[in-house]
């Protein structure tokens, strides 16, 4: 996954400000690869 350069035609890039809080004794294991943006009608985008 490349993050350099401009977005492809017909797309734009958005920066999502995500906050996670660990409440359970086991905590939270965060991995950016586990998160993706899904769109109505199907299709998804992984984090760049």
ModelCIF file with pLDDT and N, C-alpha, C, O atoms, coordinates in Angstrom:
data_MODEL
#
_entry.id   MODEL 
#
_entity.id                         1 
_entity.type                       polymer 
_entity.pdbx_number_of_molecules   1 
#
_entity_poly.entity_id                      1 
_entity_poly.type                           'polypeptide(L)' 
_entity_poly.nstd_linkage                   no 
_entity_poly.nstd_monomer                   no 
_entity_poly.pdbx_seq_one_letter_code       
;(UNK)(UNK)(UNK)(UNK)(UNK)(UNK)(UNK)(UNK)(UNK)(UNK)(UNK)(UNK)(UNK)(UNK)(UNK)(UNK)
(UNK)(UNK)(UNK)(UNK)(UNK)(UNK)(UNK)(UNK)(UNK)(UNK)(UNK)(UNK)(UNK)(UNK)(UNK)(UNK)
(UNK)(UNK)(UNK)(UNK)(UNK)(UNK)(UNK)(UNK)(UNK)(UNK)(UNK)(UNK)(UNK)(UNK)(UNK)(UNK)
;
_entity_poly.pdbx_seq_one_letter_code_can   XXXXXXXXXXXXXXXXXXXXXXXXXXXXXXXXXXXXXXXXXXXXXXXX 
_entity_poly.pdbx_strand_id                 A 
#
loop_
_entity_poly_seq.entity_id 
_entity_poly_seq.num 
_entity_poly_seq.mon_id 
_entity_poly_seq.hetero 
1 1  UNK n 
1 2  UNK n 
1 3  UNK n 
1 4  UNK n 
1 5  UNK n 
1 6  UNK n 
1 7  UNK n 
1 8  UNK n 
1 9  UNK n 
1 10 UNK n 
1 11 UNK n 
1 12 UNK n 
1 13 UNK n 
1 14 UNK n 
1 15 UNK n 
1 16 UNK n 
1 17 UNK n 
1 18 UNK n 
1 19 UNK n 
1 20 UNK n 
1 21 UNK n 
1 22 UNK n 
1 23 UNK n 
1 24 UNK n 
1 25 UNK n 
1 26 UNK n 
1 27 UNK n 
1 28 UNK n 
1 29 UNK n 
1 30 UNK n 
1 31 UNK n 
1 32 UNK n 
1 33 UNK n 
1 34 UNK n 
1 35 UNK n 
1 36 UNK n 
1 37 UNK n 
1 38 UNK n 
1 39 UNK n 
1 40 UNK n 
1 41 UNK n 
1 42 UNK n 
1 43 UNK n 
1 44 UNK n 
1 45 UNK n 
1 46 UNK n 
1 47 UNK n 
1 48 UNK n 
#
_struct_asym.id          A 
_struct_asym.entity_id   1 
#
loop_
_ma_qa_metric.id 
_ma_qa_metric.mode 
_ma_qa_metric.name 
_ma_qa_metric.software_group_id 
_ma_qa_metric.type 
1 global pLDDT . pLDDT 
2 local  pLDDT . pLDDT 
#
_ma_qa_metric_global.metric_id      1 
_ma_qa_metric_global.metric_value   83.79 
_ma_qa_metric_global.model_id       1 
_ma_qa_metric_global.ordinal_id     1 
#
loop_
_ma_qa_metric_local.label_asym_id 
_ma_qa_metric_local.label_comp_id 
_ma_qa_metric_local.label_seq_id 
_ma_qa_metric_local.metric_id 
_ma_qa_metric_local.metric_value 
_ma_qa_metric_local.model_id 
_ma_qa_metric_local.ordinal_id 
A UNK 1  2 40.00 1 1  
A UNK 2  2 43.00 1 2  
A UNK 3  2 50.00 1 3  
A UNK 4  2 52.00 1 4  
A UNK 5  2 56.00 1 5  
A UNK 6  2 60.00 1 6  
A UNK 7  2 64.00 1 7  
A UNK 8  2 69.00 1 8  
A UNK 9  2 72.00 1 9  
A UNK 10 2 77.00 1 10 
A UNK 11 2 82.00 1 11 
A UNK 12 2 84.00 1 12 
A UNK 13 2 88.00 1 13 
A UNK 14 2 89.00 1 14 
A UNK 15 2 93.00 1 15 
A UNK 16 2 93.00 1 16 
A UNK 17 2 94.00 1 17 
A UNK 18 2 95.00 1 18 
A UNK 19 2 95.00 1 19 
A UNK 20 2 95.00 1 20 
A UNK 21 2 95.00 1 21 
A UNK 22 2 95.00 1 22 
A UNK 23 2 95.00 1 23 
A UNK 24 2 95.00 1 24 
A UNK 25 2 94.00 1 25 
A UNK 26 2 94.00 1 26 
A UNK 27 2 94.00 1 27 
A UNK 28 2 94.00 1 28 
A UNK 29 2 94.00 1 29 
A UNK 30 2 95.00 1 30 
A UNK 31 2 95.00 1 31 
A UNK 32 2 95.00 1 32 
A UNK 33 2 94.00 1 33 
A UNK 34 2 94.00 1 34 
A UNK 35 2 94.00 1 35 
A UNK 36 2 93.00 1 36 
A UNK 37 2 91.00 1 37 
A UNK 38 2 88.00 1 38 
A UNK 39 2 82.00 1 39 
A UNK 40 2 76.00 1 40 
A UNK 41 2 71.00 1 41 
A UNK 42 2 77.00 1 42 
A UNK 43 2 82.00 1 43 
A UNK 44 2 88.00 1 44 
A UNK 45 2 89.00 1 45 
A UNK 46 2 93.00 1 46 
A UNK 47 2 92.00 1 47 
A UNK 48 2 92.00 1 48 
#
loop_
_atom_site.group_PDB 
_atom_site.id 
_atom_site.type_symbol 
_atom_site.label_atom_id 
_atom_site.label_alt_id 
_atom_site.label_comp_id 
_atom_site.label_asym_id 
_atom_site.label_entity_id 
_atom_site.label_seq_id 
_atom_site.pdbx_PDB_ins_code 
_atom_site.Cartn_x 
_atom_site.Cartn_y 
_atom_site.Cartn_z 
_atom_site.occupancy 
_atom_site.B_iso_or_equiv 
_atom_site.pdbx_formal_charge 
_atom_site.auth_seq_id 
_atom_site.auth_comp_id 
_atom_site.auth_asym_id 
_atom_site.auth_atom_id 
_atom_site.pdbx_PDB_model_num 
ATOM 1   N N  . UNK A 1 1  ? 0.868   -1.178 0.000   1.00 40.00 ? 1  UNK A N  1 
ATOM 2   C CA . UNK A 1 1  ? 0.000   0.000  0.000   1.00 40.00 ? 1  UNK A CA 1 
ATOM 3   C C  . UNK A 1 1  ? 0.899   1.220  0.000   1.00 40.00 ? 1  UNK A C  1 
ATOM 4   O O  . UNK A 1 1  ? 1.747   1.381  0.877   1.00 40.00 ? 1  UNK A O  1 
ATOM 5   N N  . UNK A 1 2  ? 0.709   2.068  -0.981  1.00 43.00 ? 2  UNK A N  1 
ATOM 6   C CA . UNK A 1 2  ? 1.531   3.270  -1.033  1.00 43.00 ? 2  UNK A CA 1 
ATOM 7   C C  . UNK A 1 2  ? 0.740   4.440  -0.510  1.00 43.00 ? 2  UNK A C  1 
ATOM 8   O O  . UNK A 1 2  ? -0.462  4.547  -0.752  1.00 43.00 ? 2  UNK A O  1 
ATOM 9   N N  . UNK A 1 3  ? 1.406   5.312  0.201   1.00 50.00 ? 3  UNK A N  1 
ATOM 10  C CA . UNK A 1 3  ? 0.731   6.476  0.755   1.00 50.00 ? 3  UNK A CA 1 
ATOM 11  C C  . UNK A 1 3  ? 1.216   7.756  0.114   1.00 50.00 ? 3  UNK A C  1 
ATOM 12  O O  . UNK A 1 3  ? 0.684   8.827  0.403   1.00 50.00 ? 3  UNK A O  1 
ATOM 13  N N  . UNK A 1 4  ? 2.237   7.670  -0.770  1.00 52.00 ? 4  UNK A N  1 
ATOM 14  C CA . UNK A 1 4  ? 2.743   8.895  -1.369  1.00 52.00 ? 4  UNK A CA 1 
ATOM 15  C C  . UNK A 1 4  ? 2.021   9.183  -2.672  1.00 52.00 ? 4  UNK A C  1 
ATOM 16  O O  . UNK A 1 4  ? 1.486   8.280  -3.315  1.00 52.00 ? 4  UNK A O  1 
ATOM 17  N N  . UNK A 1 5  ? 2.013   10.436 -3.049  1.00 56.00 ? 5  UNK A N  1 
ATOM 18  C CA . UNK A 1 5  ? 1.330   10.857 -4.257  1.00 56.00 ? 5  UNK A CA 1 
ATOM 19  C C  . UNK A 1 5  ? -0.101  11.243 -3.977  1.00 56.00 ? 5  UNK A C  1 
ATOM 20  O O  . UNK A 1 5  ? -0.582  11.148 -2.849  1.00 56.00 ? 5  UNK A O  1 
ATOM 21  N N  . UNK A 1 6  ? -0.777  11.685 -5.034  1.00 60.00 ? 6  UNK A N  1 
ATOM 22  C CA . UNK A 1 6  ? -2.160  12.128 -4.908  1.00 60.00 ? 6  UNK A CA 1 
ATOM 23  C C  . UNK A 1 6  ? -3.111  10.938 -5.037  1.00 60.00 ? 6  UNK A C  1 
ATOM 24  O O  . UNK A 1 6  ? -2.723  9.860  -5.485  1.00 60.00 ? 6  UNK A O  1 
ATOM 25  N N  . UNK A 1 7  ? -4.347  11.155 -4.639  1.00 64.00 ? 7  UNK A N  1 
ATOM 26  C CA . UNK A 1 7  ? -5.373  10.125 -4.761  1.00 64.00 ? 7  UNK A CA 1 
ATOM 27  C C  . UNK A 1 7  ? -5.688  9.887  -6.230  1.00 64.00 ? 7  UNK A C  1 
ATOM 28  O O  . UNK A 1 7  ? -5.498  10.770 -7.066  1.00 64.00 ? 7  UNK A O  1 
ATOM 29  N N  . UNK A 1 8  ? -6.168  8.690  -6.539  1.00 69.00 ? 8  UNK A N  1 
ATOM 30  C CA . UNK A 1 8  ? -6.550  8.366  -7.908  1.00 69.00 ? 8  UNK A CA 1 
ATOM 31  C C  . UNK A 1 8  ? -7.751  9.210  -8.333  1.00 69.00 ? 8  UNK A C  1 
ATOM 32  O O  . UNK A 1 8  ? -8.471  9.749  -7.493  1.00 69.00 ? 8  UNK A O  1 
ATOM 33  N N  . UNK A 1 9  ? -7.961  9.318  -9.670  1.00 72.00 ? 9  UNK A N  1 
ATOM 34  C CA . UNK A 1 9  ? -9.128  10.053 -10.172 1.00 72.00 ? 9  UNK A CA 1 
ATOM 35  C C  . UNK A 1 9  ? -10.405 9.420  -9.648  1.00 72.00 ? 9  UNK A C  1 
ATOM 36  O O  . UNK A 1 9  ? -10.514 8.196  -9.578  1.00 72.00 ? 9  UNK A O  1 
ATOM 37  N N  . UNK A 1 10 ? -11.364 10.246 -9.284  1.00 77.00 ? 10 UNK A N  1 
ATOM 38  C CA . UNK A 1 10 ? -12.644 9.772  -8.774  1.00 77.00 ? 10 UNK A CA 1 
ATOM 39  C C  . UNK A 1 10 ? -12.625 9.420  -7.303  1.00 77.00 ? 10 UNK A C  1 
ATOM 40  O O  . UNK A 1 10 ? -13.619 8.936  -6.763  1.00 77.00 ? 10 UNK A O  1 
ATOM 41  N N  . UNK A 1 11 ? -11.480 9.665  -6.640  1.00 82.00 ? 11 UNK A N  1 
ATOM 42  C CA . UNK A 1 11 ? -11.388 9.378  -5.208  1.00 82.00 ? 11 UNK A CA 1 
ATOM 43  C C  . UNK A 1 11 ? -10.796 10.578 -4.487  1.00 82.00 ? 11 UNK A C  1 
ATOM 44  O O  . UNK A 1 11 ? -10.254 11.490 -5.111  1.00 82.00 ? 11 UNK A O  1 
ATOM 45  N N  . UNK A 1 12 ? -10.903 10.566 -3.202  1.00 84.00 ? 12 UNK A N  1 
ATOM 46  C CA . UNK A 1 12 ? -10.244 11.563 -2.363  1.00 84.00 ? 12 UNK A CA 1 
ATOM 47  C C  . UNK A 1 12 ? -9.818  10.872 -1.076  1.00 84.00 ? 12 UNK A C  1 
ATOM 48  O O  . UNK A 1 12 ? -10.321 9.803  -0.732  1.00 84.00 ? 12 UNK A O  1 
ATOM 49  N N  . UNK A 1 13 ? -8.902  11.490 -0.386  1.00 88.00 ? 13 UNK A N  1 
ATOM 50  C CA . UNK A 1 13 ? -8.400  10.912 0.857   1.00 88.00 ? 13 UNK A CA 1 
ATOM 51  C C  . UNK A 1 13 ? -9.013  11.631 2.047   1.00 88.00 ? 13 UNK A C  1 
ATOM 52  O O  . UNK A 1 13 ? -9.171  12.852 2.055   1.00 88.00 ? 13 UNK A O  1 
ATOM 53  N N  . UNK A 1 14 ? -9.354  10.830 3.052   1.00 89.00 ? 14 UNK A N  1 
ATOM 54  C CA . UNK A 1 14 ? -9.899  11.379 4.288   1.00 89.00 ? 14 UNK A CA 1 
ATOM 55  C C  . UNK A 1 14 ? -9.066  10.875 5.453   1.00 89.00 ? 14 UNK A C  1 
ATOM 56  O O  . UNK A 1 14 ? -8.596  9.738  5.463   1.00 89.00 ? 14 UNK A O  1 
ATOM 57  N N  . UNK A 1 15 ? -8.899  11.742 6.424   1.00 93.00 ? 15 UNK A N  1 
ATOM 58  C CA . UNK A 1 15 ? -8.165  11.417 7.646   1.00 93.00 ? 15 UNK A CA 1 
ATOM 59  C C  . UNK A 1 15 ? -9.217  11.205 8.736   1.00 93.00 ? 15 UNK A C  1 
ATOM 60  O O  . UNK A 1 15 ? -9.964  12.121 9.081   1.00 93.00 ? 15 UNK A O  1 
ATOM 61  N N  . UNK A 1 16 ? -9.261  9.982  9.272   1.00 93.00 ? 16 UNK A N  1 
ATOM 62  C CA . UNK A 1 16 ? -10.224 9.618  10.311  1.00 93.00 ? 16 UNK A CA 1 
ATOM 63  C C  . UNK A 1 16 ? -9.520  9.705  11.660  1.00 93.00 ? 16 UNK A C  1 
ATOM 64  O O  . UNK A 1 16 ? -8.500  9.051  11.879  1.00 93.00 ? 16 UNK A O  1 
ATOM 65  N N  . UNK A 1 17 ? -10.068 10.516 12.560  1.00 94.00 ? 17 UNK A N  1 
ATOM 66  C CA . UNK A 1 17 ? -9.523  10.670 13.909  1.00 94.00 ? 17 UNK A CA 1 
ATOM 67  C C  . UNK A 1 17 ? -10.220 9.662  14.814  1.00 94.00 ? 17 UNK A C  1 
ATOM 68  O O  . UNK A 1 17 ? -11.370 9.851  15.209  1.00 94.00 ? 17 UNK A O  1 
ATOM 69  N N  . UNK A 1 18 ? -9.504  8.591  15.132  1.00 95.00 ? 18 UNK A N  1 
ATOM 70  C CA . UNK A 1 18 ? -10.069 7.478  15.890  1.00 95.00 ? 18 UNK A CA 1 
ATOM 71  C C  . UNK A 1 18 ? -9.518  7.486  17.311  1.00 95.00 ? 18 UNK A C  1 
ATOM 72  O O  . UNK A 1 18 ? -8.319  7.660  17.526  1.00 95.00 ? 18 UNK A O  1 
ATOM 73  N N  . UNK A 1 19 ? -10.415 7.294  18.280  1.00 95.00 ? 19 UNK A N  1 
ATOM 74  C CA . UNK A 1 19 ? -10.026 7.207  19.688  1.00 95.00 ? 19 UNK A CA 1 
ATOM 75  C C  . UNK A 1 19 ? -10.476 5.858  20.230  1.00 95.00 ? 19 UNK A C  1 
ATOM 76  O O  . UNK A 1 19 ? -11.629 5.463  20.060  1.00 95.00 ? 19 UNK A O  1 
ATOM 77  N N  . UNK A 1 20 ? -9.553  5.154  20.887  1.00 95.00 ? 20 UNK A N  1 
ATOM 78  C CA . UNK A 1 20 ? -9.843  3.866  21.509  1.00 95.00 ? 20 UNK A CA 1 
ATOM 79  C C  . UNK A 1 20 ? -9.585  3.971  23.001  1.00 95.00 ? 20 UNK A C  1 
ATOM 80  O O  . UNK A 1 20 ? -8.614  4.596  23.425  1.00 95.00 ? 20 UNK A O  1 
ATOM 81  N N  . UNK A 1 21 ? -10.455 3.359  23.802  1.00 95.00 ? 21 UNK A N  1 
ATOM 82  C CA . UNK A 1 21 ? -10.294 3.341  25.256  1.00 95.00 ? 21 UNK A CA 1 
ATOM 83  C C  . UNK A 1 21 ? -10.418 1.909  25.738  1.00 95.00 ? 21 UNK A C  1 
ATOM 84  O O  . UNK A 1 21 ? -11.403 1.232  25.440  1.00 95.00 ? 21 UNK A O  1 
ATOM 85  N N  . UNK A 1 22 ? -9.419  1.443  26.485  1.00 95.00 ? 22 UNK A N  1 
ATOM 86  C CA . UNK A 1 22 ? -9.434  0.086  27.027  1.00 95.00 ? 22 UNK A CA 1 
ATOM 87  C C  . UNK A 1 22 ? -10.194 0.070  28.350  1.00 95.00 ? 22 UNK A C  1 
ATOM 88  O O  . UNK A 1 22 ? -9.819  0.769  29.291  1.00 95.00 ? 22 UNK A O  1 
ATOM 89  N N  . UNK A 1 23 ? -11.257 -0.722 28.425  1.00 95.00 ? 23 UNK A N  1 
ATOM 90  C CA . UNK A 1 23 ? -12.074 -0.814 29.636  1.00 95.00 ? 23 UNK A CA 1 
ATOM 91  C C  . UNK A 1 23 ? -11.925 -2.161 30.338  1.00 95.00 ? 23 UNK A C  1 
ATOM 92  O O  . UNK A 1 23 ? -12.048 -2.240 31.560  1.00 95.00 ? 23 UNK A O  1 
ATOM 93  N N  . UNK A 1 24 ? -11.668 -3.193 29.592  1.00 95.00 ? 24 UNK A N  1 
ATOM 94  C CA . UNK A 1 24 ? -11.581 -4.548 30.140  1.00 95.00 ? 24 UNK A CA 1 
ATOM 95  C C  . UNK A 1 24 ? -10.178 -4.823 30.666  1.00 95.00 ? 24 UNK A C  1 
ATOM 96  O O  . UNK A 1 24 ? -9.224  -4.172 30.238  1.00 95.00 ? 24 UNK A O  1 
ATOM 97  N N  . UNK A 1 25 ? -10.033 -5.779 31.592  1.00 94.00 ? 25 UNK A N  1 
ATOM 98  C CA . UNK A 1 25 ? -8.711  -6.117 32.131  1.00 94.00 ? 25 UNK A CA 1 
ATOM 99  C C  . UNK A 1 25 ? -7.715  -6.569 31.054  1.00 94.00 ? 25 UNK A C  1 
ATOM 100 O O  . UNK A 1 25 ? -6.513  -6.344 31.196  1.00 94.00 ? 25 UNK A O  1 
ATOM 101 N N  . UNK A 1 26 ? -8.203  -7.201 29.985  1.00 94.00 ? 26 UNK A N  1 
ATOM 102 C CA . UNK A 1 26 ? -7.314  -7.651 28.905  1.00 94.00 ? 26 UNK A CA 1 
ATOM 103 C C  . UNK A 1 26 ? -6.863  -6.509 28.006  1.00 94.00 ? 26 UNK A C  1 
ATOM 104 O O  . UNK A 1 26 ? -5.926  -6.679 27.226  1.00 94.00 ? 26 UNK A O  1 
ATOM 105 N N  . UNK A 1 27 ? -7.500  -5.364 28.095  1.00 94.00 ? 27 UNK A N  1 
ATOM 106 C CA . UNK A 1 27 ? -7.132  -4.213 27.281  1.00 94.00 ? 27 UNK A CA 1 
ATOM 107 C C  . UNK A 1 27 ? -7.618  -4.318 25.847  1.00 94.00 ? 27 UNK A C  1 
ATOM 108 O O  . UNK A 1 27 ? -8.465  -5.151 25.523  1.00 94.00 ? 27 UNK A O  1 
ATOM 109 N N  . UNK A 1 28 ? -7.071  -3.462 24.991  1.00 94.00 ? 28 UNK A N  1 
ATOM 110 C CA . UNK A 1 28 ? -7.424  -3.409 23.577  1.00 94.00 ? 28 UNK A CA 1 
ATOM 111 C C  . UNK A 1 28 ? -6.146  -3.564 22.764  1.00 94.00 ? 28 UNK A C  1 
ATOM 112 O O  . UNK A 1 28 ? -5.153  -2.877 23.006  1.00 94.00 ? 28 UNK A O  1 
ATOM 113 N N  . UNK A 1 29 ? -6.186  -4.473 21.801  1.00 94.00 ? 29 UNK A N  1 
ATOM 114 C CA . UNK A 1 29 ? -5.066  -4.632 20.866  1.00 94.00 ? 29 UNK A CA 1 
ATOM 115 C C  . UNK A 1 29 ? -5.429  -3.893 19.588  1.00 94.00 ? 29 UNK A C  1 
ATOM 116 O O  . UNK A 1 29 ? -6.301  -4.338 18.841  1.00 94.00 ? 29 UNK A O  1 
ATOM 117 N N  . UNK A 1 30 ? -4.774  -2.774 19.329  1.00 95.00 ? 30 UNK A N  1 
ATOM 118 C CA . UNK A 1 30 ? -5.044  -1.978 18.136  1.00 95.00 ? 30 UNK A CA 1 
ATOM 119 C C  . UNK A 1 30 ? -4.052  -2.336 17.040  1.00 95.00 ? 30 UNK A C  1 
ATOM 120 O O  . UNK A 1 30 ? -2.843  -2.386 17.262  1.00 95.00 ? 30 UNK A O  1 
ATOM 121 N N  . UNK A 1 31 ? -4.592  -2.582 15.854  1.00 95.00 ? 31 UNK A N  1 
ATOM 122 C CA . UNK A 1 31 ? -3.794  -2.788 14.650  1.00 95.00 ? 31 UNK A CA 1 
ATOM 123 C C  . UNK A 1 31 ? -4.521  -2.050 13.524  1.00 95.00 ? 31 UNK A C  1 
ATOM 124 O O  . UNK A 1 31 ? -5.674  -2.364 13.229  1.00 95.00 ? 31 UNK A O  1 
ATOM 125 N N  . UNK A 1 32 ? -3.871  -1.085 12.900  1.00 95.00 ? 32 UNK A N  1 
ATOM 126 C CA . UNK A 1 32 ? -4.506  -0.283 11.850  1.00 95.00 ? 32 UNK A CA 1 
ATOM 127 C C  . UNK A 1 32 ? -4.995  -1.143 10.688  1.00 95.00 ? 32 UNK A C  1 
ATOM 128 O O  . UNK A 1 32 ? -5.958  -0.781 10.011  1.00 95.00 ? 32 UNK A O  1 
ATOM 129 N N  . UNK A 1 33 ? -4.340  -2.276 10.454  1.00 94.00 ? 33 UNK A N  1 
ATOM 130 C CA . UNK A 1 33 ? -4.753  -3.160 9.362   1.00 94.00 ? 33 UNK A CA 1 
ATOM 131 C C  . UNK A 1 33 ? -6.112  -3.809 9.618   1.00 94.00 ? 33 UNK A C  1 
ATOM 132 O O  . UNK A 1 33 ? -6.723  -4.327 8.684   1.00 94.00 ? 33 UNK A O  1 
ATOM 133 N N  . UNK A 1 34 ? -6.598  -3.793 10.857  1.00 94.00 ? 34 UNK A N  1 
ATOM 134 C CA . UNK A 1 34 ? -7.909  -4.361 11.192  1.00 94.00 ? 34 UNK A CA 1 
ATOM 135 C C  . UNK A 1 34 ? -9.067  -3.424 10.852  1.00 94.00 ? 34 UNK A C  1 
ATOM 136 O O  . UNK A 1 34 ? -10.227 -3.830 10.924  1.00 94.00 ? 34 UNK A O  1 
ATOM 137 N N  . UNK A 1 35 ? -8.773  -2.191 10.486  1.00 94.00 ? 35 UNK A N  1 
ATOM 138 C CA . UNK A 1 35 ? -9.811  -1.191 10.247  1.00 94.00 ? 35 UNK A CA 1 
ATOM 139 C C  . UNK A 1 35 ? -9.902  -0.886 8.761   1.00 94.00 ? 35 UNK A C  1 
ATOM 140 O O  . UNK A 1 35 ? -8.887  -0.770 8.075   1.00 94.00 ? 35 UNK A O  1 
ATOM 141 N N  . UNK A 1 36 ? -11.145 -0.756 8.264   1.00 93.00 ? 36 UNK A N  1 
ATOM 142 C CA . UNK A 1 36 ? -11.365 -0.394 6.869   1.00 93.00 ? 36 UNK A CA 1 
ATOM 143 C C  . UNK A 1 36 ? -12.646 0.419  6.743   1.00 93.00 ? 36 UNK A C  1 
ATOM 144 O O  . UNK A 1 36 ? -13.527 0.360  7.601   1.00 93.00 ? 36 UNK A O  1 
ATOM 145 N N  . UNK A 1 37 ? -12.728 1.174  5.661   1.00 91.00 ? 37 UNK A N  1 
ATOM 146 C CA . UNK A 1 37 ? -13.930 1.961  5.381   1.00 91.00 ? 37 UNK A CA 1 
ATOM 147 C C  . UNK A 1 37 ? -14.765 1.185  4.383   1.00 91.00 ? 37 UNK A C  1 
ATOM 148 O O  . UNK A 1 37 ? -14.300 0.852  3.293   1.00 91.00 ? 37 UNK A O  1 
ATOM 149 N N  . UNK A 1 38 ? -16.006 0.897  4.764   1.00 88.00 ? 38 UNK A N  1 
ATOM 150 C CA . UNK A 1 38 ? -16.939 0.215  3.870   1.00 88.00 ? 38 UNK A CA 1 
ATOM 151 C C  . UNK A 1 38 ? -17.939 1.220  3.351   1.00 88.00 ? 38 UNK A C  1 
ATOM 152 O O  . UNK A 1 38 ? -18.314 2.162  4.050   1.00 88.00 ? 38 UNK A O  1 
ATOM 153 N N  . UNK A 1 39 ? -18.373 1.015  2.108   1.00 82.00 ? 39 UNK A N  1 
ATOM 154 C CA . UNK A 1 39 ? -19.340 1.934  1.511   1.00 82.00 ? 39 UNK A CA 1 
ATOM 155 C C  . UNK A 1 39 ? -20.629 1.200  1.170   1.00 82.00 ? 39 UNK A C  1 
ATOM 156 O O  . UNK A 1 39 ? -20.641 -0.009 0.939   1.00 82.00 ? 39 UNK A O  1 
ATOM 157 N N  . UNK A 1 40 ? -21.703 1.963  1.148   1.00 76.00 ? 40 UNK A N  1 
ATOM 158 C CA . UNK A 1 40 ? -23.018 1.442  0.836   1.00 76.00 ? 40 UNK A CA 1 
ATOM 159 C C  . UNK A 1 40 ? -22.986 0.795  -0.537  1.00 76.00 ? 40 UNK A C  1 
ATOM 160 O O  . UNK A 1 40 ? -22.474 1.390  -1.486  1.00 76.00 ? 40 UNK A O  1 
ATOM 161 N N  . UNK A 1 41 ? -23.514 -0.393 -0.659  1.00 71.00 ? 41 UNK A N  1 
ATOM 162 C CA . UNK A 1 41 ? -23.539 -1.084 -1.931  1.00 71.00 ? 41 UNK A CA 1 
ATOM 163 C C  . UNK A 1 41 ? -22.324 -1.974 -2.142  1.00 71.00 ? 41 UNK A C  1 
ATOM 164 O O  . UNK A 1 41 ? -22.196 -2.602 -3.194  1.00 71.00 ? 41 UNK A O  1 
ATOM 165 N N  . UNK A 1 42 ? -21.441 -2.039 -1.173  1.00 77.00 ? 42 UNK A N  1 
ATOM 166 C CA . UNK A 1 42 ? -20.281 -2.920 -1.275  1.00 77.00 ? 42 UNK A CA 1 
ATOM 167 C C  . UNK A 1 42 ? -19.006 -2.155 -1.548  1.00 77.00 ? 42 UNK A C  1 
ATOM 168 O O  . UNK A 1 42 ? -19.031 -0.983 -1.925  1.00 77.00 ? 42 UNK A O  1 
ATOM 169 N N  . UNK A 1 43 ? -17.921 -2.820 -1.356  1.00 82.00 ? 43 UNK A N  1 
ATOM 170 C CA . UNK A 1 43 ? -16.619 -2.219 -1.557  1.00 82.00 ? 43 UNK A CA 1 
ATOM 171 C C  . UNK A 1 43 ? -16.060 -1.680 -0.262  1.00 82.00 ? 43 UNK A C  1 
ATOM 172 O O  . UNK A 1 43 ? -16.797 -1.232 0.616   1.00 82.00 ? 43 UNK A O  1 
ATOM 173 N N  . UNK A 1 44 ? -14.737 -1.730 -0.155  1.00 88.00 ? 44 UNK A N  1 
ATOM 174 C CA . UNK A 1 44 ? -14.096 -1.236 1.056   1.00 88.00 ? 44 UNK A CA 1 
ATOM 175 C C  . UNK A 1 44 ? -12.727 -0.673 0.714   1.00 88.00 ? 44 UNK A C  1 
ATOM 176 O O  . UNK A 1 44 ? -12.170 -0.955 -0.347  1.00 88.00 ? 44 UNK A O  1 
ATOM 177 N N  . UNK A 1 45 ? -12.197 0.121  1.622   1.00 89.00 ? 45 UNK A N  1 
ATOM 178 C CA . UNK A 1 45 ? -10.883 0.734  1.470   1.00 89.00 ? 45 UNK A CA 1 
ATOM 179 C C  . UNK A 1 45 ? -10.073 0.468  2.729   1.00 89.00 ? 45 UNK A C  1 
ATOM 180 O O  . UNK A 1 45 ? -10.543 0.702  3.843   1.00 89.00 ? 45 UNK A O  1 
ATOM 181 N N  . UNK A 1 46 ? -8.881  -0.010 2.549   1.00 93.00 ? 46 UNK A N  1 
ATOM 182 C CA . UNK A 1 46 ? -7.964  -0.234 3.664   1.00 93.00 ? 46 UNK A CA 1 
ATOM 183 C C  . UNK A 1 46 ? -7.207  1.063  3.958   1.00 93.00 ? 46 UNK A C  1 
ATOM 184 O O  . UNK A 1 46 ? -7.123  1.947  3.106   1.00 93.00 ? 46 UNK A O  1 
ATOM 185 N N  . UNK A 1 47 ? -6.663  1.165  5.156   1.00 92.00 ? 47 UNK A N  1 
ATOM 186 C CA . UNK A 1 47 ? -5.905  2.353  5.539   1.00 92.00 ? 47 UNK A CA 1 
ATOM 187 C C  . UNK A 1 47 ? -4.638  2.464  4.691   1.00 92.00 ? 47 UNK A C  1 
ATOM 188 O O  . UNK A 1 47 ? -3.910  1.490  4.500   1.00 92.00 ? 47 UNK A O  1 
ATOM 189 N N  . UNK A 1 48 ? -4.394  3.670  4.192   1.00 92.00 ? 48 UNK A N  1 
ATOM 190 C CA . UNK A 1 48 ? -3.186  3.969  3.431   1.00 92.00 ? 48 UNK A CA 1 
ATOM 191 C C  . UNK A 1 48 ? -2.062  4.340  4.388   1.00 92.00 ? 48 UNK A C  1 
ATOM 192 O O  . UNK A 1 48 ? -0.949  4.630  3.949   1.00 92.00 ? 48 UNK A O  1 
#
